[in-house]
Amino acid sequence: MEMDDADKPEFKETKERFPEALEGLIAEPPLLEGEDPAQFWSLFDAVVEEQKPQTITDWISAMDMAIKCWEELRLKRSSAALVNSGVLKAIAYFFEAIKPKNGDLKLRSLPPSDFALRYFSKRPNERAEVMALLAGHGITMVHLQAKAAEFNKEPLLMFERMIASRENGRRQLRKEATQRQAGRPSGE
């Protein structure tokens, strides 16, 4: 469903967002391909609303805070995507482990990688069939995601360290902003 122009949120141009003294000093945000600048600026506007920057340092801090929040959210999405991308390998792993030497012809006839590919088929019945075969051996989506995470433990740990770094940076920015505001005379 498409929004009417009247229903769409209004986004300010970059030049309208900052005091005149900052024009040209604060560049476009560091977005990756596919990221929506309007969403970033919406986040920035929320940070500005919360922090109510007054000085140039406050405005730069607000931009830094928005960037750190944005990057933290990006890293969290990337962690989830990394686990999801490992499900293919996890399915193949479990089918290799449960593949019987005799019995179920379907399990014996296809290589484990084919079952993994069938899970990602556009045909819902193939995905359901793979999940049913796994469920028959007590293997659920939680098991697949856990194995996928295990396969990607080093990159996931790297993302966790990067997220922690952004969180610490946000805490430090908030602490500095609080100290700056506490040092101002009231009424400023």
C-alpha atoms as a PDB file:
ATOM      1  CA  MET A   1       0.000   0.000   0.000  1.00  0.00           C
ATOM      2  CA  GLU A   2       1.502   3.314  -1.072  1.00  0.00           C
ATOM      3  CA  MET A   3       1.232   6.383   1.173  1.00  0.00           C
ATOM      4  CA  ASP A   4      -0.299   9.598  -0.046  1.00  0.00           C
ATOM      5  CA  ASP A   5       2.138  12.503  -0.042  1.00  0.00           C
ATOM      6  CA  ALA A   6       0.181  13.990   2.860  1.00  0.00           C
ATOM      7  CA  ASP A   7       0.782  10.809   4.936  1.00  0.00           C
ATOM      8  CA  LYS A   8       4.529  10.557   4.272  1.00  0.00           C
ATOM      9  CA  PRO A   9       6.852  11.832   6.998  1.00  0.00           C
ATOM     10  CA  GLU A  10       8.482  15.143   6.239  1.00  0.00           C
ATOM     11  CA  PHE A  11      12.277  15.006   6.066  1.00  0.00           C
ATOM     12  CA  LYS A  12      14.399  18.093   6.326  1.00  0.00           C
ATOM     13  CA  GLU A  13      17.221  18.769   3.927  1.00  0.00           C
ATOM     14  CA  THR A  14      20.646  18.376   5.520  1.00  0.00           C
ATOM     15  CA  LYS A  15      21.262  22.132   5.380  1.00  0.00           C
ATOM     16  CA  GLU A  16      18.066  22.785   7.371  1.00  0.00           C
ATOM     17  CA  ARG A  17      19.079  20.377  10.139  1.00  0.00           C
ATOM     18  CA  PHE A  18      22.123  22.171  11.508  1.00  0.00           C
ATOM     19  CA  PRO A  19      22.966  25.669  12.670  1.00  0.00           C
ATOM     20  CA  GLU A  20      24.449  27.827   9.927  1.00  0.00           C
ATOM     21  CA  ALA A  21      27.928  27.609  11.518  1.00  0.00           C
ATOM     22  CA  LEU A  22      27.945  23.848  10.848  1.00  0.00           C
ATOM     23  CA  GLU A  23      26.910  23.983   7.192  1.00  0.00           C
ATOM     24  CA  GLY A  24      29.447  22.021   5.223  1.00  0.00           C
ATOM     25  CA  LEU A  25      31.208  20.702   8.334  1.00  0.00           C
ATOM     26  CA  ILE A  26      28.870  17.793   8.937  1.00  0.00           C
ATOM     27  CA  ALA A  27      28.845  15.579   5.885  1.00  0.00           C
ATOM     28  CA  GLU A  28      26.361  13.003   4.772  1.00  0.00           C
ATOM     29  CA  PRO A  29      26.204  10.015   7.152  1.00  0.00           C
ATOM     30  CA  PRO A  30      28.308   6.910   6.456  1.00  0.00           C
ATOM     31  CA  LEU A  31      25.593   4.721   4.937  1.00  0.00           C
ATOM     32  CA  LEU A  32      26.070   1.436   3.135  1.00  0.00           C
ATOM     33  CA  GLU A  33      24.420   0.609  -0.157  1.00  0.00           C
ATOM     34  CA  GLY A  34      20.765  -0.194   0.466  1.00  0.00           C
ATOM     35  CA  GLU A  35      20.491   1.793   3.691  1.00  0.00           C
ATOM     36  CA  ASP A  36      17.825   4.463   3.672  1.00  0.00           C
ATOM     37  CA  PRO A  37      19.103   7.997   4.325  1.00  0.00           C
ATOM     38  CA  ALA A  38      15.601   9.031   5.440  1.00  0.00           C
ATOM     39  CA  GLN A  39      15.733   6.419   8.221  1.00  0.00           C
ATOM     40  CA  PHE A  40      19.131   7.670   9.341  1.00  0.00           C
ATOM     41  CA  TRP A  41      17.946  11.285   9.399  1.00  0.00           C
ATOM     42  CA  SER A  42      14.849  10.228  11.331  1.00  0.00           C
ATOM     43  CA  LEU A  43      17.150   8.668  13.941  1.00  0.00           C
ATOM     44  CA  PHE A  44      19.303  11.817  13.938  1.00  0.00           C
ATOM     45  CA  ASP A  45      16.212  13.990  14.453  1.00  0.00           C
ATOM     46  CA  ALA A  46      15.216  11.814  17.433  1.00  0.00           C
ATOM     47  CA  VAL A  47      18.700  12.219  18.938  1.00  0.00           C
ATOM     48  CA  VAL A  48      18.511  15.995  18.424  1.00  0.00           C
ATOM     49  CA  GLU A  49      15.057  16.068  20.029  1.00  0.00           C
ATOM     50  CA  GLU A  50      16.384  14.167  23.037  1.00  0.00           C
ATOM     51  CA  GLN A  51      19.688  16.026  23.422  1.00  0.00           C
ATOM     52  CA  LYS A  52      18.517  19.508  22.390  1.00  0.00           C
ATOM     53  CA  PRO A  53      21.986  20.575  21.206  1.00  0.00           C
ATOM     54  CA  GLN A  54      22.917  24.218  21.701  1.00  0.00           C
ATOM     55  CA  THR A  55      26.620  24.534  20.979  1.00  0.00           C
ATOM     56  CA  ILE A  56      28.641  23.353  17.999  1.00  0.00           C
ATOM     57  CA  THR A  57      30.138  20.651  20.234  1.00  0.00           C
ATOM     58  CA  ASP A  58      26.611  19.534  21.172  1.00  0.00           C
ATOM     59  CA  TRP A  59      25.635  19.280  17.487  1.00  0.00           C
ATOM     60  CA  ILE A  60      28.743  17.278  16.610  1.00  0.00           C
ATOM     61  CA  SER A  61      28.064  15.019  19.599  1.00  0.00           C
ATOM     62  CA  ALA A  62      24.465  14.524  18.427  1.00  0.00           C
ATOM     63  CA  MET A  63      25.701  13.501  14.975  1.00  0.00           C
ATOM     64  CA  ASP A  64      28.282  11.161  16.526  1.00  0.00           C
ATOM     65  CA  MET A  65      25.562   9.620  18.710  1.00  0.00           C
ATOM     66  CA  ALA A  66      23.274   9.056  15.729  1.00  0.00           C
ATOM     67  CA  ILE A  67      26.121   7.452  13.754  1.00  0.00           C
ATOM     68  CA  LYS A  68      27.067   5.168  16.654  1.00  0.00           C
ATOM     69  CA  CYS A  69      23.416   4.107  17.120  1.00  0.00           C
ATOM     70  CA  TRP A  70      23.050   3.518  13.372  1.00  0.00           C
ATOM     71  CA  GLU A  71      26.239   1.450  13.186  1.00  0.00           C
ATOM     72  CA  GLU A  72      25.224  -0.557  16.253  1.00  0.00           C
ATOM     73  CA  LEU A  73      21.858  -1.380  14.668  1.00  0.00           C
ATOM     74  CA  ARG A  74      23.618  -2.294  11.415  1.00  0.00           C
ATOM     75  CA  LEU A  75      25.982  -4.655  13.244  1.00  0.00           C
ATOM     76  CA  LYS A  76      23.078  -6.327  15.049  1.00  0.00           C
ATOM     77  CA  ARG A  77      21.280  -6.857  11.720  1.00  0.00           C
ATOM     78  CA  SER A  78      24.508  -8.222  10.254  1.00  0.00           C
ATOM     79  CA  SER A  79      24.910 -10.690  13.140  1.00  0.00           C
ATOM     80  CA  ALA A  80      21.410 -12.029  12.546  1.00  0.00           C
ATOM     81  CA  ALA A  81      22.045 -12.217   8.800  1.00  0.00           C
ATOM     82  CA  LEU A  82      25.268 -14.124   9.413  1.00  0.00           C
ATOM     83  CA  VAL A  83      23.426 -16.754  11.448  1.00  0.00           C
ATOM     84  CA  ASN A  84      20.682 -16.970   8.815  1.00  0.00           C
ATOM     85  CA  SER A  85      23.261 -17.382   6.062  1.00  0.00           C
ATOM     86  CA  GLY A  86      24.818 -20.294   7.951  1.00  0.00           C
ATOM     87  CA  VAL A  87      21.574 -22.280   8.023  1.00  0.00           C
ATOM     88  CA  LEU A  88      22.369 -23.807   4.609  1.00  0.00           C
ATOM     89  CA  LYS A  89      25.588 -25.324   5.946  1.00  0.00           C
ATOM     90  CA  ALA A  90      23.840 -26.370   9.178  1.00  0.00           C
ATOM     91  CA  ILE A  91      21.122 -28.260   7.292  1.00  0.00           C
ATOM     92  CA  ALA A  92      23.754 -30.098   5.248  1.00  0.00           C
ATOM     93  CA  TYR A  93      25.641 -30.893   8.479  1.00  0.00           C
ATOM     94  CA  PHE A  94      22.584 -32.425  10.162  1.00  0.00           C
ATOM     95  CA  PHE A  95      21.528 -34.382   7.074  1.00  0.00           C
ATOM     96  CA  GLU A  96      25.025 -35.836   6.860  1.00  0.00           C
ATOM     97  CA  ALA A  97      24.708 -36.871  10.516  1.00  0.00           C
ATOM     98  CA  ILE A  98      21.244 -38.457  10.192  1.00  0.00           C
ATOM     99  CA  LYS A  99      21.642 -40.024   6.744  1.00  0.00           C
ATOM    100  CA  PRO A 100      20.856 -43.724   7.222  1.00  0.00           C
ATOM    101  CA  LYS A 101      22.707 -46.522   5.459  1.00  0.00           C
ATOM    102  CA  ASN A 102      19.391 -48.247   4.771  1.00  0.00           C
ATOM    103  CA  GLY A 103      15.737 -47.417   5.263  1.00  0.00           C
ATOM    104  CA  ASP A 104      14.364 -44.073   4.067  1.00  0.00           C
ATOM    105  CA  LEU A 105      15.167 -43.981   0.348  1.00  0.00           C
ATOM    106  CA  LYS A 106      14.636 -40.212   0.202  1.00  0.00           C
ATOM    107  CA  LEU A 107      17.309 -39.639   2.837  1.00  0.00           C
ATOM    108  CA  ARG A 108      19.710 -42.042   1.127  1.00  0.00           C
ATOM    109  CA  SER A 109      19.164 -40.809  -2.438  1.00  0.00           C
ATOM    110  CA  LEU A 110      20.093 -37.123  -2.124  1.00  0.00           C
ATOM    111  CA  PRO A 111      23.359 -35.637  -0.939  1.00  0.00           C
ATOM    112  CA  PRO A 112      23.001 -33.485   2.214  1.00  0.00           C
ATOM    113  CA  SER A 113      23.691 -30.297   0.257  1.00  0.00           C
ATOM    114  CA  ASP A 114      20.611 -30.978  -1.909  1.00  0.00           C
ATOM    115  CA  PHE A 115      18.409 -31.076   1.193  1.00  0.00           C
ATOM    116  CA  ALA A 116      19.869 -27.755   2.237  1.00  0.00           C
ATOM    117  CA  LEU A 117      19.099 -26.274  -1.164  1.00  0.00           C
ATOM    118  CA  ARG A 118      15.555 -27.668  -1.045  1.00  0.00           C
ATOM    119  CA  TYR A 119      15.037 -25.857   2.253  1.00  0.00           C
ATOM    120  CA  PHE A 120      15.736 -22.579   0.468  1.00  0.00           C
ATOM    121  CA  SER A 121      13.493 -23.464  -2.487  1.00  0.00           C
ATOM    122  CA  LYS A 122      10.755 -21.061  -3.523  1.00  0.00           C
ATOM    123  CA  ARG A 123       8.324 -23.950  -3.159  1.00  0.00           C
ATOM    124  CA  PRO A 124       7.004 -23.992   0.415  1.00  0.00           C
ATOM    125  CA  ASN A 125       6.293 -27.715   0.289  1.00  0.00           C
ATOM    126  CA  GLU A 126      10.010 -28.498  -0.231  1.00  0.00           C
ATOM    127  CA  ARG A 127      10.985 -26.375   2.755  1.00  0.00           C
ATOM    128  CA  ALA A 128       8.286 -28.039   4.876  1.00  0.00           C
ATOM    129  CA  GLU A 129       9.471 -31.474   3.762  1.00  0.00           C
ATOM    130  CA  VAL A 130      13.058 -30.749   4.833  1.00  0.00           C
ATOM    131  CA  MET A 131      11.903 -29.389   8.204  1.00  0.00           C
ATOM    132  CA  ALA A 132       9.665 -32.441   8.707  1.00  0.00           C
ATOM    133  CA  LEU A 133      12.576 -34.808   8.007  1.00  0.00           C
ATOM    134  CA  LEU A 134      14.749 -32.912  10.481  1.00  0.00           C
ATOM    135  CA  ALA A 135      11.944 -32.750  13.062  1.00  0.00           C
ATOM    136  CA  GLY A 136      11.650 -36.527  12.834  1.00  0.00           C
ATOM    137  CA  HIS A 137      15.134 -36.615  14.330  1.00  0.00           C
ATOM    138  CA  GLY A 138      14.422 -33.916  16.932  1.00  0.00           C
ATOM    139  CA  ILE A 139      16.199 -31.162  14.980  1.00  0.00           C
ATOM    140  CA  THR A 140      14.404 -27.805  15.062  1.00  0.00           C
ATOM    141  CA  MET A 141      15.120 -24.330  13.704  1.00  0.00           C
ATOM    142  CA  VAL A 142      16.768 -23.497  17.031  1.00  0.00           C
ATOM    143  CA  HIS A 143      19.247 -26.335  16.461  1.00  0.00           C
ATOM    144  CA  LEU A 144      19.930 -25.127  12.919  1.00  0.00           C
ATOM    145  CA  GLN A 145      20.523 -21.559  14.101  1.00  0.00           C
ATOM    146  CA  ALA A 146      22.779 -22.721  16.921  1.00  0.00           C
ATOM    147  CA  LYS A 147      24.876 -24.788  14.524  1.00  0.00           C
ATOM    148  CA  ALA A 148      24.956 -21.890  12.047  1.00  0.00           C
ATOM    149  CA  ALA A 149      26.190 -19.621  14.856  1.00  0.00           C
ATOM    150  CA  GLU A 150      28.853 -22.192  15.762  1.00  0.00           C
ATOM    151  CA  PHE A 151      30.025 -22.291  12.145  1.00  0.00           C
ATOM    152  CA  ASN A 152      30.304 -18.480  12.221  1.00  0.00           C
ATOM    153  CA  LYS A 153      31.594 -18.022  15.775  1.00  0.00           C
ATOM    154  CA  GLU A 154      34.654 -15.920  14.868  1.00  0.00           C
ATOM    155  CA  PRO A 155      32.775 -13.368  12.735  1.00  0.00           C
ATOM    156  CA  LEU A 156      29.969 -13.251  15.342  1.00  0.00           C
ATOM    157  CA  LEU A 157      32.503 -12.557  18.087  1.00  0.00           C
ATOM    158  CA  MET A 158      33.982  -9.800  15.936  1.00  0.00           C
ATOM    159  CA  PHE A 159      30.516  -8.260  15.505  1.00  0.00           C
ATOM    160  CA  GLU A 160      29.918  -8.510  19.269  1.00  0.00           C
ATOM    161  CA  ARG A 161      33.180  -6.660  19.965  1.00  0.00           C
ATOM    162  CA  MET A 162      32.233  -3.990  17.425  1.00  0.00           C
ATOM    163  CA  ILE A 163      28.760  -3.632  18.970  1.00  0.00           C
ATOM    164  CA  ALA A 164      30.296  -3.330  22.453  1.00  0.00           C
ATOM    165  CA  SER A 165      32.640  -0.647  21.128  1.00  0.00           C
ATOM    166  CA  ARG A 166      29.681   1.354  19.751  1.00  0.00           C
ATOM    167  CA  GLU A 167      27.786   0.916  23.031  1.00  0.00           C
ATOM    168  CA  ASN A 168      30.787   2.177  25.019  1.00  0.00           C
ATOM    169  CA  GLY A 169      31.148   5.089  22.609  1.00  0.00           C
ATOM    170  CA  ARG A 170      27.491   6.005  23.102  1.00  0.00           C
ATOM    171  CA  ARG A 171      27.875   5.863  26.882  1.00  0.00           C
ATOM    172  CA  GLN A 172      30.927   8.109  26.701  1.00  0.00           C
ATOM    173  CA  LEU A 173      29.124  10.600  24.430  1.00  0.00           C
ATOM    174  CA  ARG A 174      26.142  10.673  26.778  1.00  0.00           C
ATOM    175  CA  LYS A 175      28.420  11.209  29.786  1.00  0.00           C
ATOM    176  CA  GLU A 176      30.241  14.075  28.033  1.00  0.00           C
ATOM    177  CA  ALA A 177      26.955  15.681  26.964  1.00  0.00           C
ATOM    178  CA  THR A 178      25.643  15.482  30.526  1.00  0.00           C
ATOM    179  CA  GLN A 179      28.839  17.062  31.840  1.00  0.00           C
ATOM    180  CA  ARG A 180      28.638  19.881  29.266  1.00  0.00           C
ATOM    181  CA  GLN A 181      24.999  20.573  30.119  1.00  0.00           C
ATOM    182  CA  ALA A 182      25.700  20.499  33.855  1.00  0.00           C
ATOM    183  CA  GLY A 183      28.428  23.103  33.377  1.00  0.00           C
ATOM    184  CA  ARG A 184      26.113  25.593  31.633  1.00  0.00           C
ATOM    185  CA  PRO A 185      24.399  28.300  33.589  1.00  0.00           C
ATOM    186  CA  SER A 186      20.633  27.738  33.791  1.00  0.00           C
ATOM    187  CA  GLY A 187      18.589  29.546  31.177  1.00  0.00           C
ATOM    188  CA  GLU A 188      21.026  28.812  28.325  1.00  0.00           C
END
